[in-house]
Amino acid sequence: MNLHFLPRRFIHNVKMRVKPLSVGVRALIEDDAGRILLIKHTYVPGWHFPGGGVEPGETALSALEREIREEAQIKIAQPANLIGVFLNTRFSKRDHVLLFRCREQEVIKEFKPSMEIADMQRFAPDQLPEDLSLGTSRRIEEVFGSKPPSTDW
């Protein structure tokens, strides 16, 4: 049995307990008309891409599918394409957001506001609401506009 990896594994486990890395996923979802699906949470202002945290033992794509199903009541067409990985320093210097671009496949059930999600709408890229969250606004400008890509959310 090779025991050389044990010290590295121990150090890695200690670092993750002291300075855990958090990873979240967001989805830029387009319907057949090219509209972008955005949501409004009940606990933060502005419009956002649907998404959330990746749970321990969960892949990023599984988390993406789960969050979209929970928040927007839709199923996405595969494959979802990774647009980028972004550092979100609003909460921590170790928070990363993975943004995926995907197509809406089917509505599972009609959207109804919940304790977490106040509203959900689809917007044309040139008719977006004024109160977009900063990260959402930046990503839309990069994907559909002429803004150069950033590494910050």
N, C-alpha and C. Protein backbone atom coordinates (compact mmCIF):
# COMPACT_ATOMS: atom_id res chain seq x y z
N MET A 1 0.84 -1.18 0.00
CA MET A 1 0.00 0.00 0.00
C MET A 1 0.88 1.24 0.00
N ASN A 2 0.60 2.17 -0.90
CA ASN A 2 1.38 3.40 -1.02
C ASN A 2 0.85 4.43 -0.02
N LEU A 3 1.69 4.83 0.93
CA LEU A 3 1.27 5.76 1.97
C LEU A 3 1.76 7.18 1.74
N HIS A 4 2.42 7.43 0.60
CA HIS A 4 2.96 8.77 0.33
C HIS A 4 1.86 9.82 0.18
N PHE A 5 0.68 9.42 -0.25
CA PHE A 5 -0.39 10.39 -0.45
C PHE A 5 -1.05 10.81 0.86
N LEU A 6 -0.87 10.05 1.96
CA LEU A 6 -1.56 10.36 3.21
C LEU A 6 -1.24 11.74 3.77
N PRO A 7 0.02 12.18 3.84
CA PRO A 7 0.26 13.53 4.36
C PRO A 7 -0.41 14.62 3.51
N ARG A 8 -0.36 14.47 2.20
CA ARG A 8 -1.00 15.45 1.31
C ARG A 8 -2.51 15.45 1.51
N ARG A 9 -3.10 14.27 1.62
CA ARG A 9 -4.54 14.17 1.83
C ARG A 9 -4.92 14.79 3.18
N PHE A 10 -4.14 14.53 4.22
CA PHE A 10 -4.40 15.11 5.54
C PHE A 10 -4.34 16.64 5.48
N ILE A 11 -3.30 17.18 4.86
CA ILE A 11 -3.14 18.63 4.74
C ILE A 11 -4.31 19.22 3.95
N HIS A 12 -4.69 18.56 2.86
CA HIS A 12 -5.82 19.03 2.05
C HIS A 12 -7.10 19.06 2.88
N ASN A 13 -7.37 18.00 3.66
CA ASN A 13 -8.58 17.95 4.48
C ASN A 13 -8.58 19.04 5.54
N VAL A 14 -7.43 19.31 6.15
CA VAL A 14 -7.34 20.37 7.16
C VAL A 14 -7.61 21.73 6.50
N LYS A 15 -7.00 21.97 5.35
CA LYS A 15 -7.21 23.25 4.65
C LYS A 15 -8.67 23.45 4.28
N MET A 16 -9.34 22.40 3.84
CA MET A 16 -10.74 22.52 3.44
C MET A 16 -11.63 22.81 4.65
N ARG A 17 -11.26 22.35 5.82
CA ARG A 17 -12.05 22.64 7.02
C ARG A 17 -11.81 24.08 7.49
N VAL A 18 -10.57 24.54 7.36
CA VAL A 18 -10.22 25.88 7.81
C VAL A 18 -10.65 26.94 6.79
N LYS A 19 -10.39 26.67 5.52
CA LYS A 19 -10.72 27.60 4.44
C LYS A 19 -11.48 26.86 3.34
N PRO A 20 -12.75 26.57 3.57
CA PRO A 20 -13.48 25.80 2.56
C PRO A 20 -13.72 26.60 1.28
N LEU A 21 -13.66 25.91 0.18
CA LEU A 21 -13.95 26.48 -1.13
C LEU A 21 -15.42 26.24 -1.41
N SER A 22 -16.13 27.26 -1.84
CA SER A 22 -17.53 27.05 -2.21
C SER A 22 -17.67 27.20 -3.72
N VAL A 23 -18.55 26.37 -4.26
CA VAL A 23 -18.79 26.36 -5.71
C VAL A 23 -20.29 26.43 -5.94
N GLY A 24 -20.68 27.34 -6.81
CA GLY A 24 -22.07 27.46 -7.20
C GLY A 24 -22.20 27.35 -8.70
N VAL A 25 -23.40 27.10 -9.15
CA VAL A 25 -23.69 27.01 -10.58
C VAL A 25 -24.82 27.98 -10.91
N ARG A 26 -24.76 28.55 -12.10
CA ARG A 26 -25.81 29.42 -12.62
C ARG A 26 -26.05 29.00 -14.07
N ALA A 27 -27.28 29.26 -14.54
CA ALA A 27 -27.64 28.85 -15.89
C ALA A 27 -28.17 30.02 -16.71
N LEU A 28 -27.53 30.28 -17.83
CA LEU A 28 -28.05 31.20 -18.83
C LEU A 28 -28.89 30.33 -19.75
N ILE A 29 -30.21 30.35 -19.52
CA ILE A 29 -31.12 29.46 -20.24
C ILE A 29 -31.85 30.25 -21.31
N GLU A 30 -31.79 29.75 -22.53
CA GLU A 30 -32.49 30.38 -23.65
C GLU A 30 -33.62 29.49 -24.12
N ASP A 31 -34.76 30.10 -24.45
CA ASP A 31 -35.85 29.33 -25.04
C ASP A 31 -35.73 29.37 -26.56
N ASP A 32 -36.67 28.77 -27.26
CA ASP A 32 -36.60 28.71 -28.73
C ASP A 32 -36.65 30.07 -29.39
N ALA A 33 -37.21 31.08 -28.70
CA ALA A 33 -37.28 32.44 -29.24
C ALA A 33 -36.02 33.25 -28.91
N GLY A 34 -35.05 32.63 -28.21
CA GLY A 34 -33.82 33.33 -27.86
C GLY A 34 -33.93 34.18 -26.60
N ARG A 35 -35.04 34.06 -25.88
CA ARG A 35 -35.21 34.82 -24.65
C ARG A 35 -34.45 34.15 -23.51
N ILE A 36 -34.01 34.97 -22.56
CA ILE A 36 -33.23 34.51 -21.42
C ILE A 36 -34.15 34.39 -20.21
N LEU A 37 -34.06 33.26 -19.53
CA LEU A 37 -34.86 33.04 -18.33
C LEU A 37 -34.15 33.64 -17.13
N LEU A 38 -34.85 34.50 -16.40
CA LEU A 38 -34.32 35.12 -15.19
C LEU A 38 -35.30 34.95 -14.05
N ILE A 39 -34.75 34.94 -12.82
CA ILE A 39 -35.59 34.79 -11.64
C ILE A 39 -35.33 35.92 -10.66
N LYS A 40 -36.32 36.16 -9.80
CA LYS A 40 -36.19 37.10 -8.68
C LYS A 40 -36.35 36.30 -7.41
N HIS A 41 -35.36 36.38 -6.54
CA HIS A 41 -35.44 35.72 -5.24
C HIS A 41 -36.26 36.58 -4.28
N THR A 42 -36.72 35.96 -3.22
CA THR A 42 -37.46 36.69 -2.19
C THR A 42 -36.53 37.38 -1.21
N TYR A 43 -35.25 37.01 -1.20
CA TYR A 43 -34.33 37.48 -0.16
C TYR A 43 -33.22 38.39 -0.65
N VAL A 44 -33.10 38.62 -1.95
CA VAL A 44 -32.12 39.56 -2.50
C VAL A 44 -32.77 40.33 -3.65
N PRO A 45 -32.38 41.58 -3.86
CA PRO A 45 -33.00 42.36 -4.94
C PRO A 45 -32.45 41.97 -6.32
N GLY A 46 -33.21 42.28 -7.34
CA GLY A 46 -32.76 42.15 -8.72
C GLY A 46 -33.09 40.81 -9.36
N TRP A 47 -32.85 40.79 -10.67
CA TRP A 47 -33.05 39.58 -11.48
C TRP A 47 -31.72 38.84 -11.58
N HIS A 48 -31.81 37.51 -11.54
CA HIS A 48 -30.63 36.64 -11.54
C HIS A 48 -30.85 35.46 -12.48
N PHE A 49 -29.73 34.83 -12.86
CA PHE A 49 -29.82 33.52 -13.50
C PHE A 49 -30.24 32.51 -12.44
N PRO A 50 -31.01 31.49 -12.79
CA PRO A 50 -31.29 30.45 -11.81
C PRO A 50 -30.01 29.68 -11.48
N GLY A 51 -29.95 29.17 -10.27
CA GLY A 51 -28.80 28.39 -9.86
C GLY A 51 -28.65 28.37 -8.36
N GLY A 52 -27.56 27.77 -7.90
CA GLY A 52 -27.32 27.66 -6.47
C GLY A 52 -26.05 26.88 -6.21
N GLY A 53 -25.91 26.42 -4.99
CA GLY A 53 -24.69 25.77 -4.55
C GLY A 53 -24.59 24.31 -4.98
N VAL A 54 -23.35 23.88 -5.15
CA VAL A 54 -23.05 22.47 -5.43
C VAL A 54 -22.88 21.79 -4.07
N GLU A 55 -23.67 20.76 -3.83
CA GLU A 55 -23.63 20.04 -2.56
C GLU A 55 -22.47 19.04 -2.54
N PRO A 56 -21.98 18.68 -1.36
CA PRO A 56 -20.91 17.67 -1.26
C PRO A 56 -21.31 16.38 -1.98
N GLY A 57 -20.40 15.86 -2.80
CA GLY A 57 -20.65 14.63 -3.54
C GLY A 57 -21.47 14.80 -4.80
N GLU A 58 -21.87 16.02 -5.12
CA GLU A 58 -22.70 16.30 -6.29
C GLU A 58 -21.83 16.90 -7.39
N THR A 59 -22.07 16.51 -8.63
CA THR A 59 -21.34 17.13 -9.74
C THR A 59 -21.96 18.49 -10.04
N ALA A 60 -21.20 19.32 -10.73
CA ALA A 60 -21.71 20.64 -11.10
C ALA A 60 -22.93 20.51 -12.01
N LEU A 61 -22.91 19.58 -12.95
CA LEU A 61 -24.06 19.42 -13.85
C LEU A 61 -25.29 18.90 -13.12
N SER A 62 -25.10 18.00 -12.17
CA SER A 62 -26.23 17.52 -11.37
C SER A 62 -26.83 18.67 -10.56
N ALA A 63 -25.96 19.50 -9.97
CA ALA A 63 -26.43 20.65 -9.20
C ALA A 63 -27.19 21.61 -10.11
N LEU A 64 -26.68 21.83 -11.32
CA LEU A 64 -27.33 22.72 -12.27
C LEU A 64 -28.74 22.23 -12.59
N GLU A 65 -28.86 20.96 -12.93
CA GLU A 65 -30.16 20.38 -13.26
C GLU A 65 -31.11 20.47 -12.07
N ARG A 66 -30.62 20.18 -10.87
CA ARG A 66 -31.45 20.23 -9.67
C ARG A 66 -31.94 21.65 -9.40
N GLU A 67 -31.03 22.60 -9.45
CA GLU A 67 -31.39 23.99 -9.15
C GLU A 67 -32.39 24.54 -10.17
N ILE A 68 -32.21 24.22 -11.43
CA ILE A 68 -33.14 24.70 -12.47
C ILE A 68 -34.52 24.08 -12.27
N ARG A 69 -34.52 22.79 -11.94
CA ARG A 69 -35.80 22.11 -11.69
C ARG A 69 -36.50 22.72 -10.47
N GLU A 70 -35.74 22.95 -9.38
CA GLU A 70 -36.33 23.50 -8.16
C GLU A 70 -36.80 24.95 -8.33
N GLU A 71 -35.97 25.77 -8.94
CA GLU A 71 -36.26 27.21 -9.01
C GLU A 71 -37.18 27.60 -10.16
N ALA A 72 -36.99 26.98 -11.32
CA ALA A 72 -37.72 27.42 -12.51
C ALA A 72 -38.73 26.40 -13.02
N GLN A 73 -38.74 25.21 -12.43
CA GLN A 73 -39.68 24.16 -12.84
C GLN A 73 -39.51 23.78 -14.32
N ILE A 74 -38.26 23.77 -14.79
CA ILE A 74 -38.03 23.37 -16.17
C ILE A 74 -36.91 22.34 -16.24
N LYS A 75 -36.87 21.67 -17.36
CA LYS A 75 -35.82 20.71 -17.67
C LYS A 75 -35.03 21.30 -18.83
N ILE A 76 -33.71 21.18 -18.77
CA ILE A 76 -32.88 21.74 -19.83
C ILE A 76 -32.49 20.66 -20.84
N ALA A 77 -32.27 21.11 -22.08
CA ALA A 77 -31.76 20.22 -23.11
C ALA A 77 -30.26 20.07 -22.88
N GLN A 78 -29.76 18.90 -23.03
CA GLN A 78 -28.32 18.66 -22.84
C GLN A 78 -27.63 18.76 -24.19
N PRO A 79 -26.39 19.06 -24.28
CA PRO A 79 -25.51 19.35 -23.16
C PRO A 79 -25.52 20.83 -22.79
N ALA A 80 -25.29 21.09 -21.53
CA ALA A 80 -25.10 22.47 -21.07
C ALA A 80 -23.64 22.82 -21.32
N ASN A 81 -23.39 23.99 -21.87
CA ASN A 81 -22.03 24.40 -22.20
C ASN A 81 -21.48 25.34 -21.14
N LEU A 82 -20.31 25.03 -20.63
CA LEU A 82 -19.67 25.87 -19.63
C LEU A 82 -19.16 27.15 -20.30
N ILE A 83 -19.65 28.28 -19.82
CA ILE A 83 -19.19 29.58 -20.33
C ILE A 83 -17.92 30.00 -19.61
N GLY A 84 -17.90 29.80 -18.30
CA GLY A 84 -16.72 30.19 -17.55
C GLY A 84 -16.84 29.94 -16.07
N VAL A 85 -15.73 30.13 -15.39
CA VAL A 85 -15.65 30.01 -13.94
C VAL A 85 -15.26 31.39 -13.42
N PHE A 86 -16.03 31.90 -12.46
CA PHE A 86 -15.87 33.26 -12.01
C PHE A 86 -15.68 33.31 -10.49
N LEU A 87 -14.86 34.24 -10.03
CA LEU A 87 -14.64 34.45 -8.61
C LEU A 87 -15.67 35.45 -8.10
N ASN A 88 -16.41 35.05 -7.07
CA ASN A 88 -17.43 35.91 -6.47
C ASN A 88 -16.94 36.35 -5.10
N THR A 89 -16.38 37.55 -5.01
CA THR A 89 -15.79 38.03 -3.76
C THR A 89 -16.80 38.76 -2.87
N ARG A 90 -18.07 38.79 -3.26
CA ARG A 90 -19.08 39.45 -2.41
C ARG A 90 -19.18 38.81 -1.04
N PHE A 91 -19.02 37.49 -0.95
CA PHE A 91 -19.18 36.79 0.32
C PHE A 91 -17.88 36.21 0.84
N SER A 92 -16.97 35.86 -0.06
CA SER A 92 -15.75 35.16 0.34
C SER A 92 -14.73 35.26 -0.79
N LYS A 93 -13.48 35.13 -0.43
CA LYS A 93 -12.42 35.10 -1.45
C LYS A 93 -12.25 33.70 -2.03
N ARG A 94 -13.10 32.77 -1.59
CA ARG A 94 -13.00 31.37 -2.03
C ARG A 94 -14.29 30.87 -2.67
N ASP A 95 -15.17 31.81 -3.11
CA ASP A 95 -16.44 31.44 -3.71
C ASP A 95 -16.33 31.53 -5.23
N HIS A 96 -16.65 30.43 -5.90
CA HIS A 96 -16.58 30.38 -7.36
C HIS A 96 -17.95 30.04 -7.95
N VAL A 97 -18.24 30.66 -9.08
CA VAL A 97 -19.50 30.43 -9.78
C VAL A 97 -19.18 29.89 -11.16
N LEU A 98 -19.80 28.76 -11.50
CA LEU A 98 -19.68 28.18 -12.83
C LEU A 98 -20.94 28.57 -13.59
N LEU A 99 -20.77 29.23 -14.73
CA LEU A 99 -21.93 29.62 -15.54
C LEU A 99 -22.02 28.72 -16.76
N PHE A 100 -23.21 28.14 -16.94
CA PHE A 100 -23.48 27.27 -18.08
C PHE A 100 -24.52 27.92 -18.98
N ARG A 101 -24.37 27.72 -20.26
CA ARG A 101 -25.37 28.19 -21.23
C ARG A 101 -26.12 26.96 -21.73
N CYS A 102 -27.45 27.03 -21.67
CA CYS A 102 -28.23 25.87 -22.07
C CYS A 102 -29.56 26.28 -22.69
N ARG A 103 -30.20 25.32 -23.30
CA ARG A 103 -31.49 25.53 -23.95
C ARG A 103 -32.58 24.92 -23.08
N GLU A 104 -33.70 25.61 -23.05
CA GLU A 104 -34.86 25.08 -22.34
C GLU A 104 -35.42 23.92 -23.15
N GLN A 105 -35.68 22.81 -22.47
CA GLN A 105 -36.23 21.66 -23.17
C GLN A 105 -37.73 21.54 -22.94
N GLU A 106 -38.12 21.55 -21.69
CA GLU A 106 -39.55 21.44 -21.40
C GLU A 106 -39.88 22.06 -20.05
N VAL A 107 -41.09 22.54 -19.95
CA VAL A 107 -41.60 23.06 -18.68
C VAL A 107 -42.17 21.87 -17.93
N ILE A 108 -41.68 21.64 -16.71
CA ILE A 108 -42.16 20.52 -15.90
C ILE A 108 -43.55 20.83 -15.36
N LYS A 109 -43.71 22.01 -14.80
CA LYS A 109 -45.02 22.48 -14.37
C LYS A 109 -45.01 23.99 -14.36
N GLU A 110 -46.19 24.56 -14.38
CA GLU A 110 -46.33 26.01 -14.43
C GLU A 110 -45.66 26.65 -13.22
N PHE A 111 -44.92 27.73 -13.46
CA PHE A 111 -44.24 28.42 -12.37
C PHE A 111 -45.24 29.08 -11.43
N LYS A 112 -44.99 28.91 -10.14
CA LYS A 112 -45.75 29.61 -9.11
C LYS A 112 -44.75 30.14 -8.11
N PRO A 113 -44.91 31.38 -7.68
CA PRO A 113 -43.99 31.93 -6.68
C PRO A 113 -43.93 31.04 -5.44
N SER A 114 -42.75 31.05 -4.80
CA SER A 114 -42.53 30.23 -3.61
C SER A 114 -41.87 31.08 -2.53
N MET A 115 -41.50 30.46 -1.44
CA MET A 115 -40.81 31.18 -0.37
C MET A 115 -39.43 31.65 -0.83
N GLU A 116 -38.84 30.99 -1.83
CA GLU A 116 -37.51 31.34 -2.32
C GLU A 116 -37.55 32.19 -3.59
N ILE A 117 -38.44 31.86 -4.52
CA ILE A 117 -38.48 32.51 -5.83
C ILE A 117 -39.77 33.33 -5.96
N ALA A 118 -39.61 34.64 -6.08
CA ALA A 118 -40.76 35.54 -6.16
C ALA A 118 -41.33 35.64 -7.57
N ASP A 119 -40.43 35.57 -8.58
CA ASP A 119 -40.89 35.75 -9.96
C ASP A 119 -39.92 35.08 -10.91
N MET A 120 -40.41 34.74 -12.08
CA MET A 120 -39.61 34.18 -13.15
C MET A 120 -40.18 34.69 -14.46
N GLN A 121 -39.29 35.21 -15.32
CA GLN A 121 -39.73 35.69 -16.63
C GLN A 121 -38.63 35.42 -17.65
N ARG A 122 -39.03 35.49 -18.91
CA ARG A 122 -38.08 35.36 -20.02
C ARG A 122 -37.99 36.72 -20.70
N PHE A 123 -36.74 37.12 -21.00
CA PHE A 123 -36.50 38.45 -21.59
C PHE A 123 -35.65 38.31 -22.84
N ALA A 124 -35.97 39.10 -23.86
CA ALA A 124 -35.10 39.20 -25.03
C ALA A 124 -33.80 39.88 -24.59
N PRO A 125 -32.65 39.48 -25.15
CA PRO A 125 -31.38 40.08 -24.74
C PRO A 125 -31.33 41.60 -24.89
N ASP A 126 -32.12 42.16 -25.78
CA ASP A 126 -32.13 43.61 -25.95
C ASP A 126 -33.28 44.29 -25.20
N GLN A 127 -34.01 43.55 -24.39
CA GLN A 127 -35.14 44.10 -23.60
C GLN A 127 -35.08 43.60 -22.16
N LEU A 128 -33.93 43.75 -21.55
CA LEU A 128 -33.72 43.24 -20.19
C LEU A 128 -34.24 44.22 -19.14
N PRO A 129 -34.60 43.72 -17.98
CA PRO A 129 -35.06 44.63 -16.91
C PRO A 129 -33.88 45.46 -16.38
N GLU A 130 -34.20 46.60 -15.81
CA GLU A 130 -33.16 47.50 -15.32
C GLU A 130 -32.46 46.98 -14.07
N ASP A 131 -33.16 46.23 -13.26
CA ASP A 131 -32.60 45.81 -11.98
C ASP A 131 -31.96 44.41 -12.03
N LEU A 132 -31.10 44.21 -13.04
CA LEU A 132 -30.32 42.96 -13.10
C LEU A 132 -29.26 42.97 -12.01
N SER A 133 -28.96 41.80 -11.47
CA SER A 133 -27.84 41.72 -10.54
C SER A 133 -26.56 41.99 -11.32
N LEU A 134 -25.52 42.42 -10.63
CA LEU A 134 -24.27 42.80 -11.29
C LEU A 134 -23.67 41.63 -12.07
N GLY A 135 -23.58 40.46 -11.45
CA GLY A 135 -23.01 39.30 -12.13
C GLY A 135 -23.82 38.89 -13.35
N THR A 136 -25.14 38.92 -13.23
CA THR A 136 -26.02 38.58 -14.35
C THR A 136 -25.83 39.57 -15.49
N SER A 137 -25.80 40.84 -15.16
CA SER A 137 -25.61 41.89 -16.16
C SER A 137 -24.29 41.73 -16.89
N ARG A 138 -23.22 41.50 -16.14
CA ARG A 138 -21.88 41.33 -16.75
C ARG A 138 -21.87 40.15 -17.72
N ARG A 139 -22.43 39.03 -17.30
CA ARG A 139 -22.39 37.84 -18.16
C ARG A 139 -23.21 38.04 -19.43
N ILE A 140 -24.35 38.68 -19.34
CA ILE A 140 -25.17 38.92 -20.53
C ILE A 140 -24.44 39.86 -21.49
N GLU A 141 -23.80 40.89 -20.96
CA GLU A 141 -23.03 41.81 -21.81
C GLU A 141 -21.86 41.09 -22.49
N GLU A 142 -21.26 40.14 -21.80
CA GLU A 142 -20.14 39.39 -22.39
C GLU A 142 -20.62 38.41 -23.46
N VAL A 143 -21.73 37.74 -23.19
CA VAL A 143 -22.22 36.72 -24.13
C VAL A 143 -22.92 37.35 -25.34
N PHE A 144 -23.75 38.36 -25.10
CA PHE A 144 -24.56 38.92 -26.19
C PHE A 144 -24.07 40.28 -26.69
N GLY A 145 -23.20 40.90 -25.93
CA GLY A 145 -22.74 42.23 -26.31
C GLY A 145 -21.28 42.20 -26.72
N SER A 146 -20.63 43.31 -26.50
CA SER A 146 -19.25 43.42 -26.93
C SER A 146 -18.27 43.58 -25.76
N LYS A 147 -18.75 43.30 -24.56
CA LYS A 147 -17.90 43.45 -23.39
C LYS A 147 -16.91 42.28 -23.31
N PRO A 148 -15.63 42.56 -23.06
CA PRO A 148 -14.65 41.45 -22.94
C PRO A 148 -14.92 40.63 -21.70
N PRO A 149 -14.59 39.35 -21.74
CA PRO A 149 -14.83 38.46 -20.59
C PRO A 149 -14.03 38.91 -19.35
N SER A 150 -14.64 38.69 -18.19
CA SER A 150 -14.02 38.99 -16.91
C SER A 150 -13.89 37.69 -16.13
N THR A 151 -13.05 37.66 -15.12
CA THR A 151 -12.95 36.49 -14.26
C THR A 151 -13.72 36.69 -12.97
N ASP A 152 -14.26 37.90 -12.76
CA ASP A 152 -14.99 38.22 -11.54
C ASP A 152 -16.49 38.13 -11.79
N TRP A 153 -17.22 37.63 -10.83
CA TRP A 153 -18.67 37.53 -10.95
C TRP A 153 -19.26 38.91 -10.72
